[in-house]
Amino acid sequence: MAQRAKTADVVLVGAGIMSATLGALLRRLEPDWTIILVERLDAVAAESSGPWNNAGTGHSALCEMNYTPQRPDGSIDITKAVLVNEQFQVTRQFWAYAVENGILTDVRGFLNPVPHVSFVHGAERVDYLRRRHRALAGNPLFAGTELIEGADEFARRLPFMAAKRDFSEPVALSWAQDGTDVDFGALSRQLIGYSVRNGTTTLFGHEVRDLSRQSDGSWTLTVGNRRTGDKHRLNAKFVFVGAGGDALPLLQKSGISEVKGFAGFPIGGRFLRAGNPALTAAHRAKVYGFPAAGAPPLGALHLDLRFVNGKSWLVFGPYAGWSPKFLKHGHFTDLPRSVRPNNLLSMLGVGVTELTLVNYLIGQLRLSDPGRVHALREFAPSATDSDWESTVAGQRVQVIRRDKRRGGVLEFSTTLLVSADGSIAGLLGGSPGASTAVPAMLEVLERCFSNRYRSWLPALKEMVPSLGAELSQEPALYDEVWSRGTKVLQLEAA
């Protein structure tokens, strides 16, 4: 039998980067609030935020060519690239503030400087990269990016990729020296550690089974202990659902009208991984390739230097996988149980319009490990099978949104759902995901705590000096916050 409900100002569902970020922000803004974090697994960041469950890229659109599509007239649309970079600048500023104020205590434990590089081959794609470089060059956020076309310079900067390469085919690189590799799991642990030291309660191994709205506008959550089977209740004025793929089912259980029509399409992933020191010494960058035909935006292959637990790795992928699970540690019934009368048309519409994606996924599922290494050799012709092992990455549940014309549309983006009264919010989708945690959680604060947000602004502007400004339109402010963050986060070029 459920016990009497414990009360809290805020309940955070999920111990990944989103809840970790929101918890740290709220703990800073309202140190006296009662905050409870509920996590179904036994550790922080055991799902999508874990270092082997994502690419670890500080996504700032420096190398991701899916953010700079070509228009029908041949011009390059940089709108999304600028937006994504602006969002990462907000995240970067908060990290610098957090380091200065003891919230984050081990910078190198989660953040390392790694160049971000776009790689193309073939005359047509080289021409695209030139036009992309020209389109971005006038924006201060991208002003430091270099275009490299010579074989000698290619080999000097990327010796592993140059070995055994036939340079008779044109190749080009777009090189951004100021990229980063991020261990979002380590970052989540530091943020949650700060919150716990300052009064936040954590319930690991506990799962939210149900949510119900009370007459006073608060929420009662039924929480089950996964170890003992015991149940208890939590009553909260505000609930944030940062549960990755499980966010959609939990928001559906809440009954809020805002979630109607939304559905989810799970896509898994695999990477190849190598820890050979000779390889990691010969590849000191994150190198993104041109998106394959039919691949989703998150499907562009890339060869990355990673830092996990103090060790250097090379990681290549992602290769798409598929499972009806919404979480890596989820249930095979997740997808069918998410189907509701209000989202069935959305799902059917996507089933009709996304046949190219389905064919791409089928092709990916057929790949063997030797087939994956064969794809790697397009990047690194000298790669040998014995250096690489296959790893399973996290599950991503892509947003399916209702569309009047097509029934439903599949989106590869991050969507914040907020109830009309602001008492509950949740994050859906997976791209660019973790890198936008700070701007996403600032949006939560603004939309869900409108009666307090104005009074919080002085503190928030101390955390994010550019708050409310577009850095791409204010070069002097950008230079100021960039220089400060570079120094504090120890990202100066060696």
Foldseek 3Di string as FASTA:
>chain_A
DADDAAEFAEEEEALFLQSLQLLLVCCVLPLPGAYEYEYQAFAHPPFCLAQQQDDQWLDQLQAQCVCWDADPVRATDNVSSLVSNLLLLQVLLLVLVCCVVVLFPDLVQWKDFFKAKEKDWAPVVLVSVVNVCVVCCLFLSRVQKDKDWDLVVCCVQFVQLSPPDDPPITMMMTIDRGIMGGSRRSVSVSSVVSSVVSNYHYHYSKDFDAWEADPVGWIKTWIARNVPRDIYIYIYQAYEYAHFLCQLVHVVRHVFPLSFQKAWFKKWWKKKKFQPPVNLVNGRHKYWYDDDVLEDSVFTWIWGWHAHPNGTMIIIGTQIEHACASKPPGDSCNRVVSDDPRHVLLVVLCVVVSVSNVVSRVVSHPDDLVNVVVVVCVRRVVDDSVRIDMDIHIMAIWMWGQDPVRRIDTDQDKDKGAHPQLRYIYIHHPPVHSSSSNVVSLVSCCRNVVVCNVVCVVVSCSSRVQVPHSCSVPVVVVVVSVVSSCVSSVSDDD
